Amino acid sequence: MDVEKVFHMTGGAGDSSYTKNSSLQKKGSDMVKHITMEAIQQLYLTTSPKSIGIADLGCSSGTNSLSTIREMVDAIEETNRSKVSQPLPEFRVYLNDLPTNDFNAVFKALPDFYRELKQARIDQGSGPSIYIAGYPGSFYGRLFPTDCLHFIYSSYSLHWLSRVPPALYDEQGMSINKGNIYISESSPPEVSEAYFRQFQEDFSLFLRSRSEELIAGGRMVLILLGRIGSNHVDRGNSLLWKLLTQSLTILVSQGKVEEDKLDSYEAHFYAPSKEELEDETRREGSFEMDRLEMVEMGRDVEDSKSYGMAVAKAVRAIQESMINHHFGEGIVDSLFQQYERLVVEEMAKEEMITVSFVIVLRKK
């Protein structure tokens, strides 16, 4: 499967769209918003550019990206008023995602974005000059000209690998992770090794590519899903994949999905540990790690049903394109009815915690 040609969040504004089902990602990024804003303010203080280049890598198609961009503009305006007192820089904003992303939904939101910015500054005369463009392509490789960016932001995108690890398949093309779509208790050790090697390859390429595009002293803020410690099987991201596997297995038992289709499907996902992120950043060598913090997000059992439903809808908005491509479009409603039920039941038993990391990197 060519991930770059297939993978995208569900577009549009329907009930199953990413636009309607990305509140959990928004909550996660809001929990570390102070870190993001401090990083861009420090960048502005140390470089004072007349024109500042900002890229959002993995912008998707909802309102989350433009909301964050507006907060960045506000943060720089505040810093300029209180500490710099010079003309505001112009903002060059590049919204990046894979070519299959619903960029039209982003572009349609721009008139309201500009209008709201102007309205908020009606007493200040003209607001800042902001130039926003879509920039399709994979961030696993070069995207931008050399030294053209000051600040890079990526929220809940870097846990997606560039491809399904090829080492998951033997010489005959059969999966060594039969009956699973991600790392589980029953997976052989070679499965977690294959995922880890693919993460190393991808994350190193990502850092190397961004180091060419950022100015010296430029900053990156990366928010991504992760895990605590060395065990890949946890009561968070790993459990969500396990429940999706169980949902597919139910459809196999009902004759709606062929068993070999399930056996050949693997997620292009990896939740790294804190130590893995630190080690790979150090090994690649282009960046200093200014900050790395862990954030836990979950709900207690009293709120299990509503939270479980939100999780199931979010996973559908993320995985629907891949599932439709591999299994066909006819199963998605049945699949996620099963999935929602299993997630809600699991959360009623015990709290489920997902782990995220926020990393602030500075180019050497």
Protein backbone atom coordinates (compact mmCIF):
# COMPACT_ATOMS: atom_id res chain seq x y z
CA MET A 1 0.00 0.00 0.00
CA ASP A 2 1.34 3.41 -1.00
CA VAL A 3 0.54 5.39 2.13
CA GLU A 4 1.24 8.74 0.48
CA LYS A 5 -1.44 8.10 -2.15
CA VAL A 6 -4.07 6.61 0.17
CA PHE A 7 -3.83 7.99 3.70
CA HIS A 8 -5.81 11.07 4.69
CA MET A 9 -8.21 12.19 7.37
CA THR A 10 -11.87 11.96 6.33
CA GLY A 11 -12.60 15.19 4.51
CA GLY A 12 -15.66 17.40 4.23
CA ALA A 13 -17.86 18.42 7.15
CA GLY A 14 -20.09 15.35 7.58
CA ASP A 15 -20.75 13.43 10.77
CA SER A 16 -17.72 11.15 10.24
CA SER A 17 -15.34 13.89 9.04
CA TYR A 18 -12.14 14.87 10.78
CA THR A 19 -13.53 18.39 11.05
CA LYS A 20 -16.33 17.10 13.30
CA ASN A 21 -14.18 14.53 15.16
CA SER A 22 -10.85 16.13 16.03
CA SER A 23 -11.71 17.61 19.43
CA LEU A 24 -9.42 15.14 21.23
CA GLN A 25 -6.44 16.29 19.16
CA LYS A 26 -7.41 19.89 19.88
CA LYS A 27 -7.60 19.14 23.59
CA GLY A 28 -4.14 17.56 23.50
CA SER A 29 -2.54 20.49 21.68
CA ASP A 30 -4.30 22.97 23.99
CA MET A 31 -2.82 21.21 27.04
CA VAL A 32 0.67 22.14 25.82
CA LYS A 33 -0.24 25.41 24.09
CA HIS A 34 1.82 27.41 26.57
CA ILE A 35 4.92 25.49 25.50
CA THR A 36 4.25 26.16 21.81
CA MET A 37 3.69 29.87 22.39
CA GLU A 38 6.77 30.23 24.59
CA ALA A 39 8.86 28.58 21.88
CA ILE A 40 7.68 30.89 19.09
CA GLN A 41 8.07 33.95 21.31
CA GLN A 42 11.66 32.95 22.13
CA LEU A 43 12.31 32.40 18.45
CA TYR A 44 11.01 35.88 17.65
CA LEU A 45 13.07 37.51 20.41
CA THR A 46 16.29 35.86 19.28
CA THR A 47 15.89 36.41 15.52
CA SER A 48 13.57 39.47 15.10
CA PRO A 49 12.81 38.68 11.44
CA LYS A 50 11.00 41.11 9.17
CA SER A 51 9.33 38.14 7.50
CA ILE A 52 8.73 35.00 9.56
CA GLY A 53 8.26 31.61 7.91
CA ILE A 54 6.01 29.15 9.78
CA ALA A 55 5.07 25.64 8.67
CA ASP A 56 2.37 23.39 10.10
CA LEU A 57 3.25 19.83 9.10
CA GLY A 58 0.22 17.55 9.09
CA CYS A 59 -2.34 20.37 9.11
CA SER A 60 -5.26 18.11 8.08
CA SER A 61 -8.62 19.62 7.10
CA GLY A 62 -10.35 20.80 10.28
CA THR A 63 -10.19 24.08 12.16
CA ASN A 64 -7.38 23.06 14.53
CA SER A 65 -4.52 24.29 12.35
CA LEU A 66 -5.85 27.78 11.68
CA SER A 67 -6.75 28.16 15.35
CA THR A 68 -3.13 27.45 16.30
CA ILE A 69 -1.78 29.80 13.62
CA ARG A 70 -3.96 32.60 14.99
CA GLU A 71 -2.60 31.95 18.50
CA MET A 72 0.97 32.13 17.16
CA VAL A 73 0.24 35.48 15.52
CA ASP A 74 -1.26 36.76 18.78
CA ALA A 75 1.78 35.57 20.75
CA ILE A 76 4.22 37.38 18.45
CA GLU A 77 2.11 40.54 18.52
CA GLU A 78 2.15 40.46 22.32
CA THR A 79 5.91 39.97 22.40
CA ASN A 80 6.42 42.76 19.89
CA ARG A 81 4.36 45.21 21.95
CA SER A 82 5.97 44.40 25.29
CA LYS A 83 9.62 43.69 24.45
CA VAL A 84 10.58 44.57 20.88
CA SER A 85 8.57 47.63 19.79
CA GLN A 86 9.35 47.37 16.10
CA PRO A 87 7.12 46.93 13.05
CA LEU A 88 5.35 43.58 13.09
CA PRO A 89 6.83 40.98 10.78
CA GLU A 90 4.86 39.62 7.88
CA PHE A 91 3.80 36.02 8.34
CA ARG A 92 4.46 33.38 5.68
CA VAL A 93 2.43 30.33 6.69
CA TYR A 94 2.73 26.98 4.92
CA LEU A 95 0.06 24.36 5.65
CA ASN A 96 1.42 20.93 4.77
CA ASP A 97 -0.18 17.52 4.51
CA LEU A 98 -0.24 14.61 2.08
CA PRO A 99 -1.63 15.39 -1.41
CA THR A 100 -4.81 13.43 -0.62
CA ASN A 101 -5.69 15.83 2.20
CA ASP A 102 -8.87 17.91 1.85
CA PHE A 103 -7.09 21.22 1.31
CA ASN A 104 -10.28 22.71 -0.17
CA ALA A 105 -11.86 22.65 3.28
CA VAL A 106 -8.87 24.60 4.63
CA PHE A 107 -9.00 27.15 1.84
CA LYS A 108 -12.74 27.67 2.31
CA ALA A 109 -12.08 28.57 5.95
CA LEU A 110 -9.54 31.29 5.09
CA PRO A 111 -11.97 34.18 4.42
CA ASP A 112 -13.49 33.76 7.89
CA PHE A 113 -10.00 33.43 9.38
CA TYR A 114 -8.86 36.75 7.87
CA ARG A 115 -12.15 38.47 8.71
CA GLU A 116 -11.98 37.40 12.37
CA LEU A 117 -8.36 38.53 12.63
CA LYS A 118 -9.27 41.94 11.25
CA GLN A 119 -12.33 42.25 13.49
CA ALA A 120 -10.28 41.46 16.60
CA ARG A 121 -7.92 44.31 15.71
CA ILE A 122 -10.51 46.86 14.65
CA ASP A 123 -9.21 49.39 17.21
CA GLN A 124 -5.59 48.92 16.12
CA GLY A 125 -5.91 49.90 12.49
CA SER A 126 -4.50 47.40 10.03
CA GLY A 127 -3.51 43.99 11.37
CA PRO A 128 -0.47 41.91 10.49
CA SER A 129 0.19 40.77 6.95
CA ILE A 130 -0.41 37.01 6.77
CA TYR A 131 0.15 34.96 3.64
CA ILE A 132 -1.14 31.37 3.85
CA ALA A 133 -0.51 28.64 1.30
CA GLY A 134 -1.15 24.91 1.02
CA TYR A 135 1.96 22.80 0.62
CA PRO A 136 1.15 19.16 -0.28
CA GLY A 137 3.75 16.44 0.17
CA SER A 138 5.22 13.98 2.65
CA PHE A 139 7.29 15.49 5.46
CA TYR A 140 9.53 12.43 5.28
CA GLY A 141 11.86 14.24 2.91
CA ARG A 142 12.50 17.82 1.81
CA LEU A 143 9.53 20.12 1.36
CA PHE A 144 10.86 23.69 1.45
CA PRO A 145 13.83 25.68 0.14
CA THR A 146 16.97 25.93 2.24
CA ASP A 147 16.86 28.28 5.27
CA CYS A 148 13.36 29.60 4.48
CA LEU A 149 11.62 28.70 7.75
CA HIS A 150 11.88 30.07 11.28
CA PHE A 151 9.34 27.89 13.07
CA ILE A 152 7.90 24.44 12.45
CA TYR A 153 4.87 23.01 14.22
CA SER A 154 3.47 19.50 13.96
CA SER A 155 0.56 18.26 16.05
CA TYR A 156 -0.44 14.59 16.20
CA SER A 157 1.19 13.64 12.89
CA LEU A 158 4.66 12.21 13.53
CA HIS A 159 3.43 8.95 15.02
CA TRP A 160 2.33 8.09 11.46
CA LEU A 161 5.11 6.28 9.64
CA SER A 162 6.01 6.83 6.00
CA ARG A 163 5.01 3.24 5.23
CA VAL A 164 4.03 -0.06 6.77
CA PRO A 165 7.37 -1.57 7.89
CA PRO A 166 8.40 -3.97 5.09
CA ALA A 167 10.03 -6.30 7.63
CA LEU A 168 6.52 -7.28 8.80
CA TYR A 169 6.26 -9.50 5.74
CA ASP A 170 8.24 -12.64 4.94
CA GLU A 171 9.77 -13.61 1.59
CA GLN A 172 6.39 -14.89 0.38
CA GLY A 173 4.72 -11.58 1.27
CA MET A 174 2.87 -13.06 4.26
CA SER A 175 2.59 -11.05 7.48
CA ILE A 176 4.61 -12.29 10.47
CA ASN A 177 2.00 -10.54 12.66
CA LYS A 178 -0.94 -12.74 11.69
CA GLY A 179 -4.24 -11.86 13.36
CA ASN A 180 -3.00 -8.42 14.51
CA ILE A 181 -2.83 -4.99 12.90
CA TYR A 182 -0.28 -3.54 15.35
CA ILE A 183 2.06 -4.69 18.11
CA SER A 184 0.19 -6.90 20.59
CA GLU A 185 0.86 -9.45 23.33
CA SER A 186 0.79 -12.24 20.73
CA SER A 187 3.14 -10.53 18.27
CA PRO A 188 6.59 -12.10 17.84
CA PRO A 189 9.56 -9.90 18.91
CA GLU A 190 10.39 -9.24 15.25
CA VAL A 191 7.21 -7.16 14.93
CA SER A 192 8.17 -4.52 17.48
CA GLU A 193 11.70 -4.52 16.05
CA ALA A 194 10.35 -3.85 12.55
CA TYR A 195 8.23 -0.95 13.78
CA PHE A 196 11.11 0.52 15.77
CA ARG A 197 13.51 0.37 12.81
CA GLN A 198 10.97 2.11 10.59
CA PHE A 199 10.49 4.81 13.23
CA GLN A 200 14.27 5.33 13.43
CA GLU A 201 14.53 5.66 9.66
CA ASP A 202 11.59 8.05 9.40
CA PHE A 203 12.33 10.27 12.38
CA SER A 204 15.97 10.67 11.38
CA LEU A 205 14.94 11.63 7.82
CA PHE A 206 12.38 14.08 9.20
CA LEU A 207 14.97 15.81 11.39
CA ARG A 208 17.60 15.89 8.65
CA SER A 209 15.13 17.38 6.16
CA ARG A 210 13.91 20.04 8.56
CA SER A 211 17.46 21.02 9.50
CA GLU A 212 18.00 22.06 5.87
CA GLU A 213 14.84 24.16 5.80
CA LEU A 214 15.15 25.99 9.13
CA ILE A 215 17.44 28.94 9.75
CA ALA A 216 20.15 28.54 12.39
CA GLY A 217 18.43 28.86 15.76
CA GLY A 218 15.05 28.02 14.25
CA ARG A 219 12.60 26.13 16.44
CA MET A 220 10.35 23.10 16.08
CA VAL A 221 7.47 22.08 18.33
CA LEU A 222 6.39 18.48 17.79
CA ILE A 223 3.37 16.88 19.50
CA LEU A 224 2.88 13.17 18.99
CA LEU A 225 1.46 10.08 20.62
CA GLY A 226 3.88 7.91 22.58
CA ARG A 227 4.23 5.38 25.34
CA ILE A 228 5.80 5.05 28.80
CA GLY A 229 8.84 2.79 29.03
CA SER A 230 10.00 -0.05 26.83
CA ASN A 231 6.78 -2.11 26.73
CA HIS A 232 4.94 -1.53 23.46
CA VAL A 233 1.70 -3.02 24.78
CA ASP A 234 -0.05 -0.55 27.07
CA ARG A 235 -3.51 0.56 28.13
CA GLY A 236 -3.56 3.41 25.68
CA ASN A 237 -2.61 3.53 22.01
CA SER A 238 -1.82 -0.18 21.84
CA LEU A 239 -5.20 -1.07 23.35
CA LEU A 240 -7.04 1.04 20.79
CA TRP A 241 -5.37 -0.92 17.98
CA LYS A 242 -6.17 -4.18 19.76
CA LEU A 243 -9.86 -3.24 19.91
CA LEU A 244 -9.86 -2.37 16.22
CA THR A 245 -8.33 -5.79 15.52
CA GLN A 246 -11.09 -7.41 17.58
CA SER A 247 -13.72 -5.46 15.65
CA LEU A 248 -12.31 -6.73 12.36
CA THR A 249 -12.19 -10.27 13.77
CA ILE A 250 -15.91 -10.06 14.56
CA LEU A 251 -16.60 -9.10 10.95
CA VAL A 252 -14.49 -12.06 9.82
CA SER A 253 -16.68 -14.37 11.95
CA GLN A 254 -19.77 -12.81 10.33
CA GLY A 255 -18.41 -13.41 6.84
CA LYS A 256 -18.13 -9.68 6.08
CA VAL A 257 -14.32 -9.66 5.93
CA GLU A 258 -11.99 -12.29 4.50
CA GLU A 259 -9.49 -13.63 7.03
CA ASP A 260 -6.52 -13.18 4.71
CA LYS A 261 -7.51 -9.51 4.32
CA LEU A 262 -7.24 -9.09 8.08
CA ASP A 263 -3.93 -10.97 8.21
CA SER A 264 -2.41 -8.72 5.55
CA TYR A 265 -3.46 -5.39 7.12
CA GLU A 266 -0.92 -3.58 9.31
CA ALA A 267 -1.00 -0.07 10.76
CA HIS A 268 1.66 2.44 9.68
CA PHE A 269 1.86 3.81 13.23
CA TYR A 270 4.45 3.89 15.99
CA ALA A 271 4.23 5.30 19.52
CA PRO A 272 7.83 6.02 20.62
CA SER A 273 9.08 6.27 24.18
CA LYS A 274 10.77 9.32 25.67
CA GLU A 275 14.12 7.54 25.52
CA GLU A 276 13.70 6.67 21.84
CA LEU A 277 12.90 10.27 20.95
CA GLU A 278 15.92 11.53 22.88
CA ASP A 279 18.25 8.91 21.40
CA GLU A 280 17.22 9.54 17.81
CA THR A 281 17.46 13.32 18.18
CA ARG A 282 20.94 12.96 19.66
CA ARG A 283 22.03 10.48 17.01
CA GLU A 284 20.85 12.61 14.07
CA GLY A 285 22.64 15.60 15.57
CA SER A 286 21.08 18.65 13.91
CA PHE A 287 19.04 19.87 16.87
CA GLU A 288 19.31 20.64 20.55
CA MET A 289 16.37 19.39 22.58
CA ASP A 290 15.24 22.37 24.65
CA ARG A 291 12.25 20.62 26.18
CA LEU A 292 10.49 17.25 26.26
CA GLU A 293 7.38 16.75 28.35
CA MET A 294 4.84 13.97 28.66
CA VAL A 295 1.09 14.58 28.79
CA GLU A 296 -1.49 11.99 29.82
CA MET A 297 -5.06 12.24 28.62
CA GLY A 298 -8.02 10.10 29.62
CA ARG A 299 -11.42 9.96 31.27
CA ASP A 300 -12.59 8.20 34.39
CA VAL A 301 -15.18 5.44 34.27
CA GLU A 302 -18.08 7.80 35.10
CA ASP A 303 -17.60 9.47 31.72
CA SER A 304 -16.68 6.29 29.86
CA LYS A 305 -19.57 6.20 27.39
CA SER A 306 -19.31 9.71 25.95
CA TYR A 307 -15.51 9.58 25.90
CA GLY A 308 -15.52 6.13 24.30
CA MET A 309 -17.86 7.35 21.57
CA ALA A 310 -15.60 10.35 20.91
CA VAL A 311 -12.53 8.10 20.68
CA ALA A 312 -14.27 5.70 18.28
CA LYS A 313 -15.39 8.54 16.01
CA ALA A 314 -11.90 10.06 16.04
CA VAL A 315 -10.31 6.73 15.07
CA ARG A 316 -12.83 6.34 12.25
CA ALA A 317 -12.03 9.81 10.89
CA ILE A 318 -8.33 8.88 10.90
CA GLN A 319 -8.45 5.29 9.64
CA GLU A 320 -11.38 5.31 7.22
CA SER A 321 -9.31 6.01 4.10
CA MET A 322 -6.93 3.11 4.78
CA ILE A 323 -9.70 0.67 5.71
CA ASN A 324 -11.78 1.53 2.66
CA HIS A 325 -8.76 1.02 0.41
CA HIS A 326 -7.80 -2.35 1.90
CA PHE A 327 -11.15 -3.93 2.82
CA GLY A 328 -13.58 -2.05 0.60
CA GLU A 329 -16.03 0.69 1.52
CA GLY A 330 -18.87 -1.64 2.48
CA ILE A 331 -17.64 -2.57 5.97
CA VAL A 332 -16.84 0.76 7.57
CA ASP A 333 -20.23 1.39 9.25
CA SER A 334 -20.44 -2.14 10.68
CA LEU A 335 -16.80 -2.06 11.73
CA PHE A 336 -17.06 1.12 13.74
CA GLN A 337 -20.35 0.12 15.33
CA GLN A 338 -18.46 -2.85 16.77
CA TYR A 339 -15.47 -0.68 17.61
CA GLU A 340 -17.49 1.93 19.48
CA ARG A 341 -19.17 -0.78 21.54
CA LEU A 342 -15.83 -2.39 22.45
CA VAL A 343 -14.18 0.92 23.35
CA VAL A 344 -17.08 1.97 25.58
CA GLU A 345 -17.13 -1.45 27.29
CA GLU A 346 -13.36 -1.34 27.89
CA MET A 347 -13.44 2.15 29.32
CA ALA A 348 -16.23 1.16 31.69
CA LYS A 349 -13.89 -1.44 33.20
CA GLU A 350 -10.87 0.73 33.79
CA GLU A 351 -9.54 4.12 32.82
CA MET A 352 -7.69 4.24 29.52
CA ILE A 353 -4.75 6.66 29.32
CA THR A 354 -3.17 7.89 26.10
CA VAL A 355 0.31 9.37 26.33
CA SER A 356 1.54 12.29 24.25
CA PHE A 357 4.92 14.02 24.09
CA VAL A 358 5.64 17.63 23.28
CA ILE A 359 9.18 18.31 22.11
CA VAL A 360 10.86 21.68 21.53
CA LEU A 361 13.90 21.46 19.25
CA ARG A 362 16.34 24.21 18.31
CA LYS A 363 18.51 23.98 15.21
CA LYS A 364 22.20 24.09 16.05
